Amino acid sequence: MMEHRNCDGGYEPLPSWLKAKLPKAPYTAQMKAMLRSFNLHTVCEAAKCPNIGECFSRGTATFMILGDVCTRSCRFCAVSKGTPKPVDHDEPMRIARMVNALGIRHAVITSVTRDDLPDQGAHHFAATVAAIKHHCDGVTVEVLTPDLRGERELVRVIIDSQPDVFNHNIETVRRLQKLIRPQADYWRSLGVLKMAKEMDGNVIIKSGLMVGLGESDDEVIEAMADLLSVGCDIVTIGQYLQPTRRHHPVMRYVPPETFERYREEGLRMGFKAVIAGPFVRSSYMAEAAFRLATPICKPSEHSRGNL
């Protein structure tokens, strides 16, 4: 029986709706081997995503640039913490090659937070978007960025590379920010999303949060309203699952019918797409969410042909 640690420190059976699909081993092994051959990282592996088997078997992955070591210590995240390695300037081209090799039509790029870099890695994001746009015909690109310290010029660097989706997660409700994201700030994150929308009114703005960290349903709706107020088009909401005993415990398991209420309320409020469910993560079914938000989608005018 699958178990999970609860907020009292003990273990209890997971609810029936939190039984992940078993990974299709041959496909998962093939994807991992391919990633290693290109010397690339994915957040799917680093963050112990429960959807890794499903996504890898479909030939999709969320590429994690700027290494696999983060400079921040968020209490929900399984990504390694410490001192990162120097920036790998060949990485954007390798990602473009793998996007072509996999036949990916909607590439999702995220990163660890790099507070050690003067530009927080913004130029590396831009270089990765540019490599995909230039070499991968018709591929749309979604970036899932850190907060860039809230610096407008760094947001501008990424927006100027013309991603199709600009995503930055608030992760949790306002009251829990300092507990869960001690080096981040709720209003700074909202400000980054607002800046991106102001800089390019055509870019799709996206954000996500987890539930089960100690929030109330009213606080979730309040966070959704805050996101909508800064121009957010897509919101994702999923169940938090504790990666290790060192991380914040699960405070509640949210049933599927509550996720459906979040989805219905979000659409009523005016979001173009709301992806909500126990296993939803920020980049889960990212292409489908993008298509929902842009029902008439043309190939990128910046695509120049295959490698």
C-alpha atoms as a PDB file:
ATOM      1  CA  MET A   1       0.000   0.000   0.000  1.00  0.00           C
ATOM      2  CA  MET A   2       1.326   3.459  -0.893  1.00  0.00           C
ATOM      3  CA  GLU A   3       1.963   5.633   2.173  1.00  0.00           C
ATOM      4  CA  HIS A   4       2.913   9.224   2.772  1.00  0.00           C
ATOM      5  CA  ARG A   5       4.099  11.189   5.780  1.00  0.00           C
ATOM      6  CA  ASN A   6       1.423  13.360   7.361  1.00  0.00           C
ATOM      7  CA  CYS A   7       1.660  16.649   9.253  1.00  0.00           C
ATOM      8  CA  ASP A   8       1.977  14.795  12.602  1.00  0.00           C
ATOM      9  CA  GLY A   9       5.147  13.057  11.469  1.00  0.00           C
ATOM     10  CA  GLY A  10       3.551   9.633  11.063  1.00  0.00           C
ATOM     11  CA  TYR A  11       2.676   7.684   7.949  1.00  0.00           C
ATOM     12  CA  GLU A  12      -0.736   7.039   6.503  1.00  0.00           C
ATOM     13  CA  PRO A  13      -2.119   5.478   3.327  1.00  0.00           C
ATOM     14  CA  LEU A  14      -2.365   7.816   0.382  1.00  0.00           C
ATOM     15  CA  PRO A  15      -5.916   8.576  -0.753  1.00  0.00           C
ATOM     16  CA  SER A  16      -7.150   6.435  -3.638  1.00  0.00           C
ATOM     17  CA  TRP A  17      -6.992   9.358  -6.068  1.00  0.00           C
ATOM     18  CA  LEU A  18      -3.229   9.750  -5.481  1.00  0.00           C
ATOM     19  CA  LYS A  19      -2.099   6.577  -7.148  1.00  0.00           C
ATOM     20  CA  ALA A  20       0.277   7.582  -9.918  1.00  0.00           C
ATOM     21  CA  LYS A  21       0.515   5.654 -13.160  1.00  0.00           C
ATOM     22  CA  LEU A  22       3.480   3.311 -13.161  1.00  0.00           C
ATOM     23  CA  PRO A  23       6.196   4.477 -15.540  1.00  0.00           C
ATOM     24  CA  LYS A  24       6.629   2.566 -18.781  1.00  0.00           C
ATOM     25  CA  ALA A  25      10.145   1.379 -18.005  1.00  0.00           C
ATOM     26  CA  PRO A  26      11.526   0.985 -21.554  1.00  0.00           C
ATOM     27  CA  TYR A  27      10.371   4.460 -22.611  1.00  0.00           C
ATOM     28  CA  THR A  28      11.577   6.062 -19.375  1.00  0.00           C
ATOM     29  CA  ALA A  29      14.982   4.398 -19.696  1.00  0.00           C
ATOM     30  CA  GLN A  30      15.270   5.525 -23.320  1.00  0.00           C
ATOM     31  CA  MET A  31      14.474   9.131 -22.425  1.00  0.00           C
ATOM     32  CA  LYS A  32      16.975   9.158 -19.560  1.00  0.00           C
ATOM     33  CA  ALA A  33      19.663   7.692 -21.801  1.00  0.00           C
ATOM     34  CA  MET A  34      18.972  10.322 -24.433  1.00  0.00           C
ATOM     35  CA  LEU A  35      19.126  13.128 -21.879  1.00  0.00           C
ATOM     36  CA  ARG A  36      22.468  11.845 -20.626  1.00  0.00           C
ATOM     37  CA  SER A  37      23.804  11.623 -24.191  1.00  0.00           C
ATOM     38  CA  PHE A  38      22.945  15.320 -24.682  1.00  0.00           C
ATOM     39  CA  ASN A  39      24.197  16.147 -21.162  1.00  0.00           C
ATOM     40  CA  LEU A  40      20.893  17.774 -20.237  1.00  0.00           C
ATOM     41  CA  HIS A  41      18.865  18.005 -17.028  1.00  0.00           C
ATOM     42  CA  THR A  42      15.107  17.891 -16.509  1.00  0.00           C
ATOM     43  CA  VAL A  43      13.027  19.171 -13.634  1.00  0.00           C
ATOM     44  CA  CYS A  44      11.033  15.955 -14.051  1.00  0.00           C
ATOM     45  CA  GLU A  45      13.935  14.027 -12.522  1.00  0.00           C
ATOM     46  CA  ALA A  46      15.387  16.707 -10.231  1.00  0.00           C
ATOM     47  CA  ALA A  47      12.069  17.541  -8.559  1.00  0.00           C
ATOM     48  CA  LYS A  48      10.859  13.913  -8.389  1.00  0.00           C
ATOM     49  CA  CYS A  49       7.748  14.669 -10.432  1.00  0.00           C
ATOM     50  CA  PRO A  50       5.033  11.984 -10.100  1.00  0.00           C
ATOM     51  CA  ASN A  51       4.210  12.338 -13.818  1.00  0.00           C
ATOM     52  CA  ILE A  52       7.683  11.467 -15.056  1.00  0.00           C
ATOM     53  CA  GLY A  53       6.698   8.050 -16.420  1.00  0.00           C
ATOM     54  CA  GLU A  54       3.695   9.401 -18.285  1.00  0.00           C
ATOM     55  CA  CYS A  55       5.565  12.342 -19.793  1.00  0.00           C
ATOM     56  CA  PHE A  56       8.753  10.466 -20.683  1.00  0.00           C
ATOM     57  CA  SER A  57       6.701   7.751 -22.385  1.00  0.00           C
ATOM     58  CA  ARG A  58       5.088  10.479 -24.534  1.00  0.00           C
ATOM     59  CA  GLY A  59       8.493  11.824 -25.505  1.00  0.00           C
ATOM     60  CA  THR A  60       8.140  15.065 -23.578  1.00  0.00           C
ATOM     61  CA  ALA A  61      10.200  16.597 -20.782  1.00  0.00           C
ATOM     62  CA  THR A  62      10.731  19.944 -19.093  1.00  0.00           C
ATOM     63  CA  PHE A  63      14.338  20.942 -19.659  1.00  0.00           C
ATOM     64  CA  MET A  64      16.131  22.469 -16.670  1.00  0.00           C
ATOM     65  CA  ILE A  65      18.918  24.829 -17.679  1.00  0.00           C
ATOM     66  CA  LEU A  66      21.767  26.409 -15.693  1.00  0.00           C
ATOM     67  CA  GLY A  67      22.667  23.170 -13.950  1.00  0.00           C
ATOM     68  CA  ASP A  68      20.900  21.054 -11.337  1.00  0.00           C
ATOM     69  CA  VAL A  69      21.929  22.880  -8.135  1.00  0.00           C
ATOM     70  CA  CYS A  70      19.773  25.717  -6.790  1.00  0.00           C
ATOM     71  CA  THR A  71      20.942  28.635  -4.647  1.00  0.00           C
ATOM     72  CA  ARG A  72      17.652  28.835  -2.712  1.00  0.00           C
ATOM     73  CA  SER A  73      16.145  26.587  -0.058  1.00  0.00           C
ATOM     74  CA  CYS A  74      12.401  26.415  -0.651  1.00  0.00           C
ATOM     75  CA  ARG A  75      10.815  23.941   1.769  1.00  0.00           C
ATOM     76  CA  PHE A  76       8.736  22.133  -0.842  1.00  0.00           C
ATOM     77  CA  CYS A  77      11.363  21.494  -3.518  1.00  0.00           C
ATOM     78  CA  ALA A  78      13.488  18.360  -4.055  1.00  0.00           C
ATOM     79  CA  VAL A  79      16.038  20.028  -6.349  1.00  0.00           C
ATOM     80  CA  SER A  80      19.573  19.925  -4.894  1.00  0.00           C
ATOM     81  CA  LYS A  81      20.759  23.005  -2.981  1.00  0.00           C
ATOM     82  CA  GLY A  82      24.286  24.376  -2.840  1.00  0.00           C
ATOM     83  CA  THR A  83      26.918  26.020  -5.018  1.00  0.00           C
ATOM     84  CA  PRO A  84      26.149  25.679  -8.742  1.00  0.00           C
ATOM     85  CA  LYS A  85      28.662  24.991 -11.501  1.00  0.00           C
ATOM     86  CA  PRO A  86      29.624  27.616 -14.094  1.00  0.00           C
ATOM     87  CA  VAL A  87      27.135  28.322 -16.904  1.00  0.00           C
ATOM     88  CA  ASP A  88      27.368  25.885 -19.817  1.00  0.00           C
ATOM     89  CA  HIS A  89      27.144  28.127 -22.875  1.00  0.00           C
ATOM     90  CA  ASP A  90      26.694  25.197 -25.278  1.00  0.00           C
ATOM     91  CA  GLU A  91      23.540  24.058 -23.477  1.00  0.00           C
ATOM     92  CA  PRO A  92      20.990  26.071 -25.545  1.00  0.00           C
ATOM     93  CA  MET A  93      22.109  24.429 -28.795  1.00  0.00           C
ATOM     94  CA  ARG A  94      22.010  20.942 -27.254  1.00  0.00           C
ATOM     95  CA  ILE A  95      18.464  21.594 -26.098  1.00  0.00           C
ATOM     96  CA  ALA A  96      17.476  22.701 -29.609  1.00  0.00           C
ATOM     97  CA  ARG A  97      18.972  19.500 -31.013  1.00  0.00           C
ATOM     98  CA  MET A  98      17.083  17.340 -28.535  1.00  0.00           C
ATOM     99  CA  VAL A  99      13.824  19.181 -29.189  1.00  0.00           C
ATOM    100  CA  ASN A 100      14.246  18.278 -32.861  1.00  0.00           C
ATOM    101  CA  ALA A 101      15.294  14.703 -32.074  1.00  0.00           C
ATOM    102  CA  LEU A 102      12.166  14.132 -29.977  1.00  0.00           C
ATOM    103  CA  GLY A 103       9.829  15.945 -32.351  1.00  0.00           C
ATOM    104  CA  ILE A 104       8.627  18.212 -29.536  1.00  0.00           C
ATOM    105  CA  ARG A 105       6.123  20.846 -30.713  1.00  0.00           C
ATOM    106  CA  HIS A 106       5.938  22.853 -27.468  1.00  0.00           C
ATOM    107  CA  ALA A 107       9.233  23.102 -25.581  1.00  0.00           C
ATOM    108  CA  VAL A 108       9.213  23.973 -21.875  1.00  0.00           C
ATOM    109  CA  ILE A 109      12.365  25.460 -20.355  1.00  0.00           C
ATOM    110  CA  THR A 110      12.868  26.043 -16.646  1.00  0.00           C
ATOM    111  CA  SER A 111      15.908  26.496 -14.431  1.00  0.00           C
ATOM    112  CA  VAL A 112      17.265  26.374 -10.943  1.00  0.00           C
ATOM    113  CA  THR A 113      17.494  29.777  -9.275  1.00  0.00           C
ATOM    114  CA  ARG A 114      20.951  31.289  -9.791  1.00  0.00           C
ATOM    115  CA  ASP A 115      21.308  34.087  -7.261  1.00  0.00           C
ATOM    116  CA  ASP A 116      25.069  33.739  -7.776  1.00  0.00           C
ATOM    117  CA  LEU A 117      24.843  35.185 -11.297  1.00  0.00           C
ATOM    118  CA  PRO A 118      24.599  38.953 -11.874  1.00  0.00           C
ATOM    119  CA  ASP A 119      21.783  38.430 -14.398  1.00  0.00           C
ATOM    120  CA  GLN A 120      20.144  35.512 -12.548  1.00  0.00           C
ATOM    121  CA  GLY A 121      20.591  33.488 -15.745  1.00  0.00           C
ATOM    122  CA  ALA A 122      18.256  35.683 -17.811  1.00  0.00           C
ATOM    123  CA  HIS A 123      20.573  35.822 -20.827  1.00  0.00           C
ATOM    124  CA  HIS A 124      20.940  32.031 -20.792  1.00  0.00           C
ATOM    125  CA  PHE A 125      17.136  31.727 -20.878  1.00  0.00           C
ATOM    126  CA  ALA A 126      17.065  34.126 -23.819  1.00  0.00           C
ATOM    127  CA  ALA A 127      19.804  32.186 -25.625  1.00  0.00           C
ATOM    128  CA  THR A 128      17.872  28.939 -25.165  1.00  0.00           C
ATOM    129  CA  VAL A 129      14.639  30.432 -26.501  1.00  0.00           C
ATOM    130  CA  ALA A 130      16.554  31.898 -29.444  1.00  0.00           C
ATOM    131  CA  ALA A 131      18.230  28.562 -30.261  1.00  0.00           C
ATOM    132  CA  ILE A 132      14.893  26.745 -30.335  1.00  0.00           C
ATOM    133  CA  LYS A 133      13.135  29.480 -32.308  1.00  0.00           C
ATOM    134  CA  HIS A 134      15.963  29.585 -34.862  1.00  0.00           C
ATOM    135  CA  HIS A 135      16.515  25.866 -35.360  1.00  0.00           C
ATOM    136  CA  CYS A 136      13.231  24.106 -34.543  1.00  0.00           C
ATOM    137  CA  ASP A 137      10.597  24.747 -37.170  1.00  0.00           C
ATOM    138  CA  GLY A 138       7.212  25.799 -35.806  1.00  0.00           C
ATOM    139  CA  VAL A 139       8.023  24.906 -32.183  1.00  0.00           C
ATOM    140  CA  THR A 140       6.450  27.093 -29.508  1.00  0.00           C
ATOM    141  CA  VAL A 141       8.465  27.829 -26.377  1.00  0.00           C
ATOM    142  CA  GLU A 142       7.380  28.186 -22.765  1.00  0.00           C
ATOM    143  CA  VAL A 143       9.748  29.528 -20.124  1.00  0.00           C
ATOM    144  CA  LEU A 144       9.255  28.841 -16.422  1.00  0.00           C
ATOM    145  CA  THR A 145      11.530  31.351 -14.740  1.00  0.00           C
ATOM    146  CA  PRO A 146      12.749  32.182 -11.232  1.00  0.00           C
ATOM    147  CA  ASP A 147      11.748  35.585  -9.878  1.00  0.00           C
ATOM    148  CA  LEU A 148      14.858  37.306 -11.371  1.00  0.00           C
ATOM    149  CA  ARG A 149      14.986  39.350  -8.140  1.00  0.00           C
ATOM    150  CA  GLY A 150      12.065  41.280  -9.595  1.00  0.00           C
ATOM    151  CA  GLU A 151      14.412  43.284 -11.824  1.00  0.00           C
ATOM    152  CA  ARG A 152      12.598  44.744 -14.820  1.00  0.00           C
ATOM    153  CA  GLU A 153      15.623  44.701 -17.123  1.00  0.00           C
ATOM    154  CA  LEU A 154      16.091  40.960 -16.547  1.00  0.00           C
ATOM    155  CA  VAL A 155      12.438  40.252 -17.318  1.00  0.00           C
ATOM    156  CA  ARG A 156      12.929  42.348 -20.464  1.00  0.00           C
ATOM    157  CA  VAL A 157      15.886  40.189 -21.570  1.00  0.00           C
ATOM    158  CA  ILE A 158      13.696  37.087 -21.559  1.00  0.00           C
ATOM    159  CA  ILE A 159      10.625  38.741 -23.053  1.00  0.00           C
ATOM    160  CA  ASP A 160      12.744  40.161 -25.893  1.00  0.00           C
ATOM    161  CA  SER A 161      13.669  36.583 -26.879  1.00  0.00           C
ATOM    162  CA  GLN A 162       9.945  36.187 -27.655  1.00  0.00           C
ATOM    163  CA  PRO A 163       8.811  33.089 -25.765  1.00  0.00           C
ATOM    164  CA  ASP A 164       5.216  32.096 -26.441  1.00  0.00           C
ATOM    165  CA  VAL A 165       4.492  31.512 -22.740  1.00  0.00           C
ATOM    166  CA  PHE A 166       6.073  33.305 -19.781  1.00  0.00           C
ATOM    167  CA  ASN A 167       5.540  31.267 -16.622  1.00  0.00           C
ATOM    168  CA  HIS A 168       6.569  32.078 -13.069  1.00  0.00           C
ATOM    169  CA  ASN A 169       5.038  30.226 -10.138  1.00  0.00           C
ATOM    170  CA  ILE A 170       3.801  31.837  -6.960  1.00  0.00           C
ATOM    171  CA  GLU A 171       3.810  28.268  -5.529  1.00  0.00           C
ATOM    172  CA  THR A 172       1.524  28.916  -2.533  1.00  0.00           C
ATOM    173  CA  VAL A 173      -0.887  31.425  -1.039  1.00  0.00           C
ATOM    174  CA  ARG A 174       0.243  34.782   0.348  1.00  0.00           C
ATOM    175  CA  ARG A 175       0.140  33.790   4.037  1.00  0.00           C
ATOM    176  CA  LEU A 176       2.485  30.822   3.561  1.00  0.00           C
ATOM    177  CA  GLN A 177       5.094  32.438   1.320  1.00  0.00           C
ATOM    178  CA  LYS A 178       7.831  33.085   3.884  1.00  0.00           C
ATOM    179  CA  LEU A 179       7.381  29.640   5.419  1.00  0.00           C
ATOM    180  CA  ILE A 180       7.526  27.783   2.106  1.00  0.00           C
ATOM    181  CA  ARG A 181       9.695  30.159   0.006  1.00  0.00           C
ATOM    182  CA  PRO A 182      11.877  31.991   2.570  1.00  0.00           C
ATOM    183  CA  GLN A 183      14.035  33.746  -0.059  1.00  0.00           C
ATOM    184  CA  ALA A 184      11.124  34.748  -2.300  1.00  0.00           C
ATOM    185  CA  ASP A 185       8.290  37.245  -2.034  1.00  0.00           C
ATOM    186  CA  TYR A 186       4.639  36.969  -3.065  1.00  0.00           C
ATOM    187  CA  TRP A 187       4.344  40.533  -4.355  1.00  0.00           C
ATOM    188  CA  ARG A 188       7.662  40.311  -6.175  1.00  0.00           C
ATOM    189  CA  SER A 189       6.442  37.218  -8.008  1.00  0.00           C
ATOM    190  CA  LEU A 190       3.197  38.932  -8.966  1.00  0.00           C
ATOM    191  CA  GLY A 191       5.226  41.933 -10.105  1.00  0.00           C
ATOM    192  CA  VAL A 192       7.356  39.776 -12.418  1.00  0.00           C
ATOM    193  CA  LEU A 193       4.226  38.414 -14.106  1.00  0.00           C
ATOM    194  CA  LYS A 194       2.779  41.907 -14.444  1.00  0.00           C
ATOM    195  CA  MET A 195       6.011  43.246 -15.986  1.00  0.00           C
ATOM    196  CA  ALA A 196       6.069  40.439 -18.548  1.00  0.00           C
ATOM    197  CA  LYS A 197       2.492  41.143 -19.630  1.00  0.00           C
ATOM    198  CA  GLU A 198       3.138  44.876 -19.848  1.00  0.00           C
ATOM    199  CA  MET A 199       6.202  44.280 -22.015  1.00  0.00           C
ATOM    200  CA  ASP A 200       4.396  42.017 -24.474  1.00  0.00           C
ATOM    201  CA  GLY A 201       0.628  41.950 -24.463  1.00  0.00           C
ATOM    202  CA  ASN A 202       0.632  38.919 -26.769  1.00  0.00           C
ATOM    203  CA  VAL A 203       2.687  36.615 -24.576  1.00  0.00           C
ATOM    204  CA  ILE A 204       0.673  34.079 -22.579  1.00  0.00           C
ATOM    205  CA  ILE A 205       1.246  34.605 -18.850  1.00  0.00           C
ATOM    206  CA  LYS A 206       1.082  31.525 -16.647  1.00  0.00           C
ATOM    207  CA  SER A 207       1.563  30.706 -12.984  1.00  0.00           C
ATOM    208  CA  GLY A 208       0.936  27.828 -10.631  1.00  0.00           C
ATOM    209  CA  LEU A 209       0.493  26.889  -7.019  1.00  0.00           C
ATOM    210  CA  MET A 210       0.348  23.797  -4.858  1.00  0.00           C
ATOM    211  CA  VAL A 211      -2.318  22.933  -2.323  1.00  0.00           C
ATOM    212  CA  GLY A 212      -1.928  20.820   0.792  1.00  0.00           C
ATOM    213  CA  LEU A 213       0.637  23.123   2.432  1.00  0.00           C
ATOM    214  CA  GLY A 214      -1.745  24.531   5.035  1.00  0.00           C
ATOM    215  CA  GLU A 215      -3.843  26.942   2.994  1.00  0.00           C
ATOM    216  CA  SER A 216      -7.622  27.276   2.952  1.00  0.00           C
ATOM    217  CA  ASP A 217      -9.789  27.095  -0.159  1.00  0.00           C
ATOM    218  CA  ASP A 218     -10.627  30.777   0.256  1.00  0.00           C
ATOM    219  CA  GLU A 219      -6.907  31.600   0.183  1.00  0.00           C
ATOM    220  CA  VAL A 220      -6.502  29.615  -3.038  1.00  0.00           C
ATOM    221  CA  ILE A 221      -9.291  31.633  -4.657  1.00  0.00           C
ATOM    222  CA  GLU A 222      -7.717  34.848  -3.354  1.00  0.00           C
ATOM    223  CA  ALA A 223      -4.367  33.874  -4.929  1.00  0.00           C
ATOM    224  CA  MET A 224      -6.120  33.140  -8.216  1.00  0.00           C
ATOM    225  CA  ALA A 225      -7.712  36.587  -8.113  1.00  0.00           C
ATOM    226  CA  ASP A 226      -4.318  38.169  -7.475  1.00  0.00           C
ATOM    227  CA  LEU A 227      -2.886  36.324 -10.478  1.00  0.00           C
ATOM    228  CA  LEU A 228      -5.741  37.417 -12.690  1.00  0.00           C
ATOM    229  CA  SER A 229      -5.232  41.034 -11.619  1.00  0.00           C
ATOM    230  CA  VAL A 230      -1.675  41.067 -13.032  1.00  0.00           C
ATOM    231  CA  GLY A 231      -2.647  39.601 -16.391  1.00  0.00           C
ATOM    232  CA  CYS A 232      -2.238  35.877 -15.817  1.00  0.00           C
ATOM    233  CA  ASP A 233      -3.907  33.796 -18.548  1.00  0.00           C
ATOM    234  CA  ILE A 234      -3.261  30.231 -17.331  1.00  0.00           C
ATOM    235  CA  VAL A 235      -3.121  28.890 -13.787  1.00  0.00           C
ATOM    236  CA  THR A 236      -2.139  25.391 -12.679  1.00  0.00           C
ATOM    237  CA  ILE A 237      -3.094  23.909  -9.295  1.00  0.00           C
ATOM    238  CA  GLY A 238      -1.847  20.570  -7.993  1.00  0.00           C
ATOM    239  CA  GLN A 239      -1.458  18.554  -4.791  1.00  0.00           C
ATOM    240  CA  TYR A 240       1.771  19.057  -2.835  1.00  0.00           C
ATOM    241  CA  LEU A 241       3.545  15.796  -2.010  1.00  0.00           C
ATOM    242  CA  GLN A 242       6.428  15.829   0.442  1.00  0.00           C
ATOM    243  CA  PRO A 243       9.633  14.761  -1.382  1.00  0.00           C
ATOM    244  CA  THR A 244      11.621  13.751   1.741  1.00  0.00           C
ATOM    245  CA  ARG A 245      11.363  13.929   5.526  1.00  0.00           C
ATOM    246  CA  ARG A 246      13.387  17.167   5.447  1.00  0.00           C
ATOM    247  CA  HIS A 247      10.683  18.977   3.513  1.00  0.00           C
ATOM    248  CA  HIS A 248       7.447  20.619   4.655  1.00  0.00           C
ATOM    249  CA  PRO A 249       4.830  18.003   5.594  1.00  0.00           C
ATOM    250  CA  VAL A 250       1.553  17.544   3.741  1.00  0.00           C
ATOM    251  CA  MET A 251      -1.180  19.286   5.717  1.00  0.00           C
ATOM    252  CA  ARG A 252      -4.148  17.959   3.738  1.00  0.00           C
ATOM    253  CA  TYR A 253      -5.019  15.888   0.694  1.00  0.00           C
ATOM    254  CA  VAL A 254      -7.345  17.817  -1.577  1.00  0.00           C
ATOM    255  CA  PRO A 255      -9.991  15.610  -3.261  1.00  0.00           C
ATOM    256  CA  PRO A 256     -10.617  15.691  -7.028  1.00  0.00           C
ATOM    257  CA  GLU A 257     -13.980  17.427  -6.623  1.00  0.00           C
ATOM    258  CA  THR A 258     -12.268  20.393  -4.930  1.00  0.00           C
ATOM    259  CA  PHE A 259      -9.812  20.677  -7.814  1.00  0.00           C
ATOM    260  CA  GLU A 260     -12.796  20.722 -10.148  1.00  0.00           C
ATOM    261  CA  ARG A 261     -14.289  23.585  -8.122  1.00  0.00           C
ATOM    262  CA  TYR A 262     -11.010  25.479  -8.459  1.00  0.00           C
ATOM    263  CA  ARG A 263     -11.126  24.909 -12.223  1.00  0.00           C
ATOM    264  CA  GLU A 264     -14.724  26.043 -12.559  1.00  0.00           C
ATOM    265  CA  GLU A 265     -14.175  29.099 -10.375  1.00  0.00           C
ATOM    266  CA  GLY A 266     -11.026  30.054 -12.274  1.00  0.00           C
ATOM    267  CA  LEU A 267     -12.806  29.907 -15.620  1.00  0.00           C
ATOM    268  CA  ARG A 268     -15.697  31.909 -14.189  1.00  0.00           C
ATOM    269  CA  MET A 269     -13.225  34.519 -12.964  1.00  0.00           C
ATOM    270  CA  GLY A 270     -11.797  34.921 -16.457  1.00  0.00           C
ATOM    271  CA  PHE A 271      -8.706  32.701 -16.840  1.00  0.00           C
ATOM    272  CA  LYS A 272      -8.226  31.379 -20.367  1.00  0.00           C
ATOM    273  CA  ALA A 273      -7.236  27.972 -19.012  1.00  0.00           C
ATOM    274  CA  VAL A 274      -7.201  26.365 -15.567  1.00  0.00           C
ATOM    275  CA  ILE A 275      -5.390  23.046 -15.174  1.00  0.00           C
ATOM    276  CA  ALA A 276      -6.228  21.613 -11.761  1.00  0.00           C
ATOM    277  CA  GLY A 277      -5.925  18.117 -10.332  1.00  0.00           C
ATOM    278  CA  PRO A 278      -4.036  16.007  -7.804  1.00  0.00           C
ATOM    279  CA  PHE A 279      -1.092  15.285 -10.116  1.00  0.00           C
ATOM    280  CA  VAL A 280      -1.012  18.614 -11.936  1.00  0.00           C
ATOM    281  CA  ARG A 281       2.363  20.329 -11.985  1.00  0.00           C
ATOM    282  CA  SER A 282       3.269  23.639 -13.588  1.00  0.00           C
ATOM    283  CA  SER A 283       4.468  22.135 -16.863  1.00  0.00           C
ATOM    284  CA  TYR A 284       2.146  19.110 -16.922  1.00  0.00           C
ATOM    285  CA  MET A 285       0.244  18.986 -20.234  1.00  0.00           C
ATOM    286  CA  ALA A 286       1.777  22.377 -21.011  1.00  0.00           C
ATOM    287  CA  GLU A 287       1.071  22.202 -24.725  1.00  0.00           C
ATOM    288  CA  ALA A 288      -2.617  21.387 -24.138  1.00  0.00           C
ATOM    289  CA  ALA A 289      -2.919  24.347 -21.738  1.00  0.00           C
ATOM    290  CA  PHE A 290      -1.248  26.606 -24.295  1.00  0.00           C
ATOM    291  CA  ARG A 291      -3.669  25.490 -27.021  1.00  0.00           C
ATOM    292  CA  LEU A 292      -6.628  26.147 -24.713  1.00  0.00           C
ATOM    293  CA  ALA A 293      -5.378  29.679 -24.121  1.00  0.00           C
ATOM    294  CA  THR A 294      -4.627  30.276 -27.821  1.00  0.00           C
ATOM    295  CA  PRO A 295      -7.299  28.436 -29.832  1.00  0.00           C
ATOM    296  CA  ILE A 296      -5.990  29.933 -33.078  1.00  0.00           C
ATOM    297  CA  CYS A 297      -2.252  29.339 -33.028  1.00  0.00           C
ATOM    298  CA  LYS A 298       0.105  29.969 -35.898  1.00  0.00           C
ATOM    299  CA  PRO A 299       3.647  28.578 -36.202  1.00  0.00           C
ATOM    300  CA  SER A 300       6.264  30.894 -34.767  1.00  0.00           C
ATOM    301  CA  GLU A 301       7.402  33.498 -37.245  1.00  0.00           C
ATOM    302  CA  HIS A 302      10.868  33.235 -35.711  1.00  0.00           C
ATOM    303  CA  SER A 303      11.402  29.591 -36.678  1.00  0.00           C
ATOM    304  CA  ARG A 304      14.055  29.231 -39.373  1.00  0.00           C
ATOM    305  CA  GLY A 305      14.318  25.504 -40.062  1.00  0.00           C
ATOM    306  CA  ASN A 306      15.702  22.312 -38.564  1.00  0.00           C
ATOM    307  CA  LEU A 307      19.251  21.587 -37.538  1.00  0.00           C
END
